[in-house]
Amino acid sequence: MLLRSIETFLRAHAMPATKFGRLAAQDPRFVLDLRMGRVPRHDTEMRTRAWMQGYDAGTADAALAESEEMA
């Protein structure tokens, strides 16, 4: 379920729902609408999931680069 994945992502990254919506879907109300029962189209769900995976990869890459700089 997309909303459950998003909620987990928001907690893990301490990100507000509106910021997530703005970055992932260009819609600050995206998460709020999902919480109210909005059902996204398949393409929207796939783009959102891909964005979350890319964000996690980018965060991991940044942490790795930071740790290499300190060494």
PDB file of N, CA and C in Angstrom:
ATOM      1  N   MET A   1       0.840  -1.172   0.000  1.00  0.00           N
ATOM      2  CA  MET A   1       0.000   0.000   0.000  1.00  0.00           C
ATOM      3  C   MET A   1       0.895   1.250   0.000  1.00  0.00           C
ATOM      4  N   LEU A   2       0.653   2.141  -0.925  1.00  0.00           N
ATOM      5  CA  LEU A   2       1.502   3.313  -1.105  1.00  0.00           C
ATOM      6  C   LEU A   2       1.518   4.201   0.135  1.00  0.00           C
ATOM      7  N   LEU A   3       0.370   4.475   0.704  1.00  0.00           N
ATOM      8  CA  LEU A   3       0.323   5.376   1.854  1.00  0.00           C
ATOM      9  C   LEU A   3       1.163   4.847   3.005  1.00  0.00           C
ATOM     10  N   ARG A   4       1.114   3.561   3.259  1.00  0.00           N
ATOM     11  CA  ARG A   4       1.911   2.974   4.346  1.00  0.00           C
ATOM     12  C   ARG A   4       3.401   3.168   4.076  1.00  0.00           C
ATOM     13  N   SER A   5       3.823   2.973   2.829  1.00  0.00           N
ATOM     14  CA  SER A   5       5.232   3.180   2.464  1.00  0.00           C
ATOM     15  C   SER A   5       5.631   4.635   2.654  1.00  0.00           C
ATOM     16  N   ILE A   6       4.758   5.537   2.269  1.00  0.00           N
ATOM     17  CA  ILE A   6       5.050   6.964   2.416  1.00  0.00           C
ATOM     18  C   ILE A   6       5.150   7.336   3.890  1.00  0.00           C
ATOM     19  N   GLU A   7       4.226   6.858   4.704  1.00  0.00           N
ATOM     20  CA  GLU A   7       4.252   7.179   6.138  1.00  0.00           C
ATOM     21  C   GLU A   7       5.552   6.677   6.770  1.00  0.00           C
ATOM     22  N   THR A   8       5.997   5.492   6.386  1.00  0.00           N
ATOM     23  CA  THR A   8       7.263   4.952   6.893  1.00  0.00           C
ATOM     24  C   THR A   8       8.425   5.837   6.452  1.00  0.00           C
ATOM     25  N   PHE A   9       8.406   6.249   5.199  1.00  0.00           N
ATOM     26  CA  PHE A   9       9.435   7.126   4.650  1.00  0.00           C
ATOM     27  C   PHE A   9       9.460   8.456   5.405  1.00  0.00           C
ATOM     28  N   LEU A  10       8.302   9.027   5.646  1.00  0.00           N
ATOM     29  CA  LEU A  10       8.226  10.306   6.344  1.00  0.00           C
ATOM     30  C   LEU A  10       8.823  10.212   7.744  1.00  0.00           C
ATOM     31  N   ARG A  11       8.510   9.137   8.456  1.00  0.00           N
ATOM     32  CA  ARG A  11       9.068   8.953   9.801  1.00  0.00           C
ATOM     33  C   ARG A  11      10.585   8.754   9.738  1.00  0.00           C
ATOM     34  N   ALA A  12      11.037   7.938   8.791  1.00  0.00           N
ATOM     35  CA  ALA A  12      12.461   7.623   8.692  1.00  0.00           C
ATOM     36  C   ALA A  12      13.303   8.852   8.359  1.00  0.00           C
ATOM     37  N   HIS A  13      12.735   9.777   7.608  1.00  0.00           N
ATOM     38  CA  HIS A  13      13.478  10.958   7.169  1.00  0.00           C
ATOM     39  C   HIS A  13      13.035  12.242   7.862  1.00  0.00           C
ATOM     40  N   ALA A  14      12.143  12.119   8.842  1.00  0.00           N
ATOM     41  CA  ALA A  14      11.625  13.283   9.570  1.00  0.00           C
ATOM     42  C   ALA A  14      11.219  14.392   8.598  1.00  0.00           C
ATOM     43  N   MET A  15      10.458  13.993   7.595  1.00  0.00           N
ATOM     44  CA  MET A  15      10.045  14.923   6.544  1.00  0.00           C
ATOM     45  C   MET A  15       8.557  15.228   6.675  1.00  0.00           C
ATOM     46  N   PRO A  16       8.183  16.495   6.588  1.00  0.00           N
ATOM     47  CA  PRO A  16       6.757  16.836   6.611  1.00  0.00           C
ATOM     48  C   PRO A  16       6.040  16.317   5.359  1.00  0.00           C
ATOM     49  N   ALA A  17       4.781  15.992   5.514  1.00  0.00           N
ATOM     50  CA  ALA A  17       3.987  15.458   4.400  1.00  0.00           C
ATOM     51  C   ALA A  17       3.922  16.424   3.223  1.00  0.00           C
ATOM     52  N   THR A  18       3.829  17.711   3.512  1.00  0.00           N
ATOM     53  CA  THR A  18       3.721  18.683   2.415  1.00  0.00           C
ATOM     54  C   THR A  18       5.016  18.786   1.625  1.00  0.00           C
ATOM     55  N   LYS A  19       6.148  18.677   2.310  1.00  0.00           N
ATOM     56  CA  LYS A  19       7.436  18.711   1.601  1.00  0.00           C
ATOM     57  C   LYS A  19       7.570  17.474   0.711  1.00  0.00           C
ATOM     58  N   PHE A  20       7.180  16.321   1.249  1.00  0.00           N
ATOM     59  CA  PHE A  20       7.222  15.097   0.455  1.00  0.00           C
ATOM     60  C   PHE A  20       6.370  15.256  -0.800  1.00  0.00           C
ATOM     61  N   GLY A  21       5.160  15.714  -0.626  1.00  0.00           N
ATOM     62  CA  GLY A  21       4.266  15.881  -1.769  1.00  0.00           C
ATOM     63  C   GLY A  21       4.829  16.829  -2.806  1.00  0.00           C
ATOM     64  N   ARG A  22       5.424  17.923  -2.351  1.00  0.00           N
ATOM     65  CA  ARG A  22       6.005  18.910  -3.264  1.00  0.00           C
ATOM     66  C   ARG A  22       7.175  18.292  -4.044  1.00  0.00           C
ATOM     67  N   LEU A  23       8.034  17.548  -3.354  1.00  0.00           N
ATOM     68  CA  LEU A  23       9.207  16.975  -4.002  1.00  0.00           C
ATOM     69  C   LEU A  23       8.875  15.764  -4.873  1.00  0.00           C
ATOM     70  N   ALA A  24       8.027  14.886  -4.369  1.00  0.00           N
ATOM     71  CA  ALA A  24       7.763  13.625  -5.064  1.00  0.00           C
ATOM     72  C   ALA A  24       6.691  13.723  -6.136  1.00  0.00           C
ATOM     73  N   ALA A  25       5.689  14.578  -5.923  1.00  0.00           N
ATOM     74  CA  ALA A  25       4.549  14.611  -6.843  1.00  0.00           C
ATOM     75  C   ALA A  25       4.190  16.013  -7.326  1.00  0.00           C
ATOM     76  N   GLN A  26       5.004  16.994  -6.953  1.00  0.00           N
ATOM     77  CA  GLN A  26       4.727  18.395  -7.308  1.00  0.00           C
ATOM     78  C   GLN A  26       3.339  18.828  -6.835  1.00  0.00           C
ATOM     79  N   ASP A  27       2.924  18.264  -5.706  1.00  0.00           N
ATOM     80  CA  ASP A  27       1.611  18.550  -5.138  1.00  0.00           C
ATOM     81  C   ASP A  27       1.720  18.513  -3.611  1.00  0.00           C
ATOM     82  N   PRO A  28       1.771  19.667  -2.964  1.00  0.00           N
ATOM     83  CA  PRO A  28       1.935  19.662  -1.510  1.00  0.00           C
ATOM     84  C   PRO A  28       0.802  18.964  -0.760  1.00  0.00           C
ATOM     85  N   ARG A  29      -0.355  18.789  -1.373  1.00  0.00           N
ATOM     86  CA  ARG A  29      -1.477  18.110  -0.720  1.00  0.00           C
ATOM     87  C   ARG A  29      -1.527  16.613  -1.027  1.00  0.00           C
ATOM     88  N   PHE A  30      -0.559  16.100  -1.747  1.00  0.00           N
ATOM     89  CA  PHE A  30      -0.573  14.711  -2.197  1.00  0.00           C
ATOM     90  C   PHE A  30      -0.782  13.732  -1.033  1.00  0.00           C
ATOM     91  N   VAL A  31       0.048  13.807  -0.013  1.00  0.00           N
ATOM     92  CA  VAL A  31      -0.061  12.872   1.119  1.00  0.00           C
ATOM     93  C   VAL A  31      -1.351  13.118   1.892  1.00  0.00           C
ATOM     94  N   LEU A  32      -1.682  14.370   2.086  1.00  0.00           N
ATOM     95  CA  LEU A  32      -2.917  14.684   2.810  1.00  0.00           C
ATOM     96  C   LEU A  32      -4.135  14.112   2.074  1.00  0.00           C
ATOM     97  N   ASP A  33      -4.131  14.224   0.746  1.00  0.00           N
ATOM     98  CA  ASP A  33      -5.226  13.657  -0.046  1.00  0.00           C
ATOM     99  C   ASP A  33      -5.244  12.129   0.048  1.00  0.00           C
ATOM    100  N   LEU A  34      -4.068  11.501   0.032  1.00  0.00           N
ATOM    101  CA  LEU A  34      -4.019  10.038   0.189  1.00  0.00           C
ATOM    102  C   LEU A  34      -4.601   9.632   1.539  1.00  0.00           C
ATOM    103  N   ARG A  35      -4.271  10.397   2.566  1.00  0.00           N
ATOM    104  CA  ARG A  35      -4.805  10.103   3.901  1.00  0.00           C
ATOM    105  C   ARG A  35      -6.329  10.225   3.942  1.00  0.00           C
ATOM    106  N   MET A  36      -6.875  11.046   3.057  1.00  0.00           N
ATOM    107  CA  MET A  36      -8.333  11.240   3.001  1.00  0.00           C
ATOM    108  C   MET A  36      -9.010  10.265   2.033  1.00  0.00           C
ATOM    109  N   GLY A  37      -8.240   9.352   1.446  1.00  0.00           N
ATOM    110  CA  GLY A  37      -8.839   8.329   0.608  1.00  0.00           C
ATOM    111  C   GLY A  37      -8.536   8.421  -0.876  1.00  0.00           C
ATOM    112  N   ARG A  38      -7.771   9.415  -1.288  1.00  0.00           N
ATOM    113  CA  ARG A  38      -7.416   9.529  -2.714  1.00  0.00           C
ATOM    114  C   ARG A  38      -6.677   8.268  -3.156  1.00  0.00           C
ATOM    115  N   VAL A  39      -7.006   7.778  -4.328  1.00  0.00           N
ATOM    116  CA  VAL A  39      -6.338   6.614  -4.897  1.00  0.00           C
ATOM    117  C   VAL A  39      -5.557   7.091  -6.115  1.00  0.00           C
ATOM    118  N   PRO A  40      -4.226   7.028  -6.054  1.00  0.00           N
ATOM    119  CA  PRO A  40      -3.433   7.517  -7.176  1.00  0.00           C
ATOM    120  C   PRO A  40      -3.472   6.552  -8.360  1.00  0.00           C
ATOM    121  N   ARG A  41      -3.240   7.101  -9.545  1.00  0.00           N
ATOM    122  CA  ARG A  41      -3.132   6.242 -10.714  1.00  0.00           C
ATOM    123  C   ARG A  41      -1.870   5.395 -10.602  1.00  0.00           C
ATOM    124  N   HIS A  42      -1.841   4.310 -11.351  1.00  0.00           N
ATOM    125  CA  HIS A  42      -0.702   3.379 -11.297  1.00  0.00           C
ATOM    126  C   HIS A  42       0.609   4.099 -11.615  1.00  0.00           C
ATOM    127  N   ASP A  43       0.619   4.931 -12.643  1.00  0.00           N
ATOM    128  CA  ASP A  43       1.834   5.650 -13.023  1.00  0.00           C
ATOM    129  C   ASP A  43       2.300   6.576 -11.901  1.00  0.00           C
ATOM    130  N   THR A  44       1.379   7.233 -11.248  1.00  0.00           N
ATOM    131  CA  THR A  44       1.723   8.133 -10.143  1.00  0.00           C
ATOM    132  C   THR A  44       2.326   7.334  -8.995  1.00  0.00           C
ATOM    133  N   GLU A  45       1.757   6.194  -8.699  1.00  0.00           N
ATOM    134  CA  GLU A  45       2.292   5.350  -7.627  1.00  0.00           C
ATOM    135  C   GLU A  45       3.703   4.881  -7.969  1.00  0.00           C
ATOM    136  N   MET A  46       3.926   4.466  -9.198  1.00  0.00           N
ATOM    137  CA  MET A  46       5.251   3.980  -9.599  1.00  0.00           C
ATOM    138  C   MET A  46       6.293   5.111  -9.552  1.00  0.00           C
ATOM    139  N   ARG A  47       5.915   6.304  -9.996  1.00  0.00           N
ATOM    140  CA  ARG A  47       6.839   7.445  -9.941  1.00  0.00           C
ATOM    141  C   ARG A  47       7.170   7.797  -8.496  1.00  0.00           C
ATOM    142  N   THR A  48       6.175   7.743  -7.630  1.00  0.00           N
ATOM    143  CA  THR A  48       6.382   8.070  -6.214  1.00  0.00           C
ATOM    144  C   THR A  48       7.294   7.048  -5.561  1.00  0.00           C
ATOM    145  N   ARG A  49       7.064   5.781  -5.827  1.00  0.00           N
ATOM    146  CA  ARG A  49       7.935   4.729  -5.271  1.00  0.00           C
ATOM    147  C   ARG A  49       9.367   4.877  -5.788  1.00  0.00           C
ATOM    148  N   ALA A  50       9.515   5.177  -7.064  1.00  0.00           N
ATOM    149  CA  ALA A  50      10.851   5.367  -7.649  1.00  0.00           C
ATOM    150  C   ALA A  50      11.540   6.570  -7.013  1.00  0.00           C
ATOM    151  N   TRP A  51      10.785   7.635  -6.758  1.00  0.00           N
ATOM    152  CA  TRP A  51      11.361   8.825  -6.127  1.00  0.00           C
ATOM    153  C   TRP A  51      11.859   8.490  -4.725  1.00  0.00           C
ATOM    154  N   MET A  52      11.073   7.718  -3.964  1.00  0.00           N
ATOM    155  CA  MET A  52      11.489   7.349  -2.612  1.00  0.00           C
ATOM    156  C   MET A  52      12.760   6.498  -2.656  1.00  0.00           C
ATOM    157  N   GLN A  53      12.828   5.567  -3.588  1.00  0.00           N
ATOM    158  CA  GLN A  53      14.027   4.732  -3.705  1.00  0.00           C
ATOM    159  C   GLN A  53      15.237   5.572  -4.094  1.00  0.00           C
ATOM    160  N   GLY A  54      15.050   6.505  -4.998  1.00  0.00           N
ATOM    161  CA  GLY A  54      16.138   7.384  -5.397  1.00  0.00           C
ATOM    162  C   GLY A  54      16.588   8.285  -4.265  1.00  0.00           C
ATOM    163  N   TYR A  55      15.650   8.757  -3.468  1.00  0.00           N
ATOM    164  CA  TYR A  55      15.974   9.608  -2.323  1.00  0.00           C
ATOM    165  C   TYR A  55      16.792   8.817  -1.310  1.00  0.00           C
ATOM    166  N   ASP A  56      16.384   7.582  -1.038  1.00  0.00           N
ATOM    167  CA  ASP A  56      17.124   6.741  -0.106  1.00  0.00           C
ATOM    168  C   ASP A  56      18.527   6.471  -0.626  1.00  0.00           C
ATOM    169  N   ALA A  57      18.658   6.211  -1.917  1.00  0.00           N
ATOM    170  CA  ALA A  57      19.970   5.959  -2.510  1.00  0.00           C
ATOM    171  C   ALA A  57      20.830   7.215  -2.429  1.00  0.00           C
ATOM    172  N   GLY A  58      20.236   8.366  -2.688  1.00  0.00           N
ATOM    173  CA  GLY A  58      20.966   9.625  -2.599  1.00  0.00           C
ATOM    174  C   GLY A  58      21.421   9.915  -1.184  1.00  0.00           C
ATOM    175  N   THR A  59      20.585   9.596  -0.212  1.00  0.00           N
ATOM    176  CA  THR A  59      20.933   9.796   1.190  1.00  0.00           C
ATOM    177  C   THR A  59      22.083   8.868   1.571  1.00  0.00           C
ATOM    178  N   ALA A  60      22.023   7.635   1.113  1.00  0.00           N
ATOM    179  CA  ALA A  60      23.094   6.679   1.416  1.00  0.00           C
ATOM    180  C   ALA A  60      24.392   7.113   0.749  1.00  0.00           C
ATOM    181  N   ASP A  61      24.324   7.585  -0.490  1.00  0.00           N
ATOM    182  CA  ASP A  61      25.515   8.050  -1.199  1.00  0.00           C
ATOM    183  C   ASP A  61      26.132   9.250  -0.495  1.00  0.00           C
ATOM    184  N   ALA A  62      25.296  10.174  -0.027  1.00  0.00           N
ATOM    185  CA  ALA A  62      25.790  11.356   0.679  1.00  0.00           C
ATOM    186  C   ALA A  62      26.458  10.961   1.996  1.00  0.00           C
ATOM    187  N   ALA A  63      25.883  10.013   2.715  1.00  0.00           N
ATOM    188  CA  ALA A  63      26.468   9.567   3.975  1.00  0.00           C
ATOM    189  C   ALA A  63      27.803   8.879   3.731  1.00  0.00           C
ATOM    190  N   LEU A  64      27.893   8.097   2.670  1.00  0.00           N
ATOM    191  CA  LEU A  64      29.141   7.419   2.333  1.00  0.00           C
ATOM    192  C   LEU A  64      30.213   8.436   1.964  1.00  0.00           C
ATOM    193  N   ALA A  65      29.869   9.413   1.156  1.00  0.00           N
ATOM    194  CA  ALA A  65      30.826  10.443   0.759  1.00  0.00           C
ATOM    195  C   ALA A  65      31.306  11.228   1.980  1.00  0.00           C
ATOM    196  N   GLU A  66      30.395  11.525   2.900  1.00  0.00           N
ATOM    197  CA  GLU A  66      30.758  12.261   4.106  1.00  0.00           C
ATOM    198  C   GLU A  66      31.721  11.453   4.968  1.00  0.00           C
ATOM    199  N   SER A  67      31.458  10.160   5.111  1.00  0.00           N
ATOM    200  CA  SER A  67      32.335   9.331   5.936  1.00  0.00           C
ATOM    201  C   SER A  67      33.706   9.177   5.287  1.00  0.00           C
ATOM    202  N   GLU A  68      33.766   9.155   3.958  1.00  0.00           N
ATOM    203  CA  GLU A  68      35.066   9.061   3.276  1.00  0.00           C
ATOM    204  C   GLU A  68      35.859  10.348   3.427  1.00  0.00           C
ATOM    205  N   GLU A  69      35.173  11.497   3.464  1.00  0.00           N
ATOM    206  CA  GLU A  69      35.860  12.774   3.636  1.00  0.00           C
ATOM    207  C   GLU A  69      36.485  12.877   5.020  1.00  0.00           C
ATOM    208  N   MET A  70      35.825  12.294   6.014  1.00  0.00           N
ATOM    209  CA  MET A  70      36.324  12.373   7.390  1.00  0.00           C
ATOM    210  C   MET A  70      37.501  11.427   7.619  1.00  0.00           C
ATOM    211  N   ALA A  71      37.628  10.419   6.797  1.00  0.00           N
ATOM    212  CA  ALA A  71      38.689   9.403   7.005  1.00  0.00           C
ATOM    213  C   ALA A  71      40.034   9.901   6.545  1.00  0.00           C
TER     214      ALA A  71
END
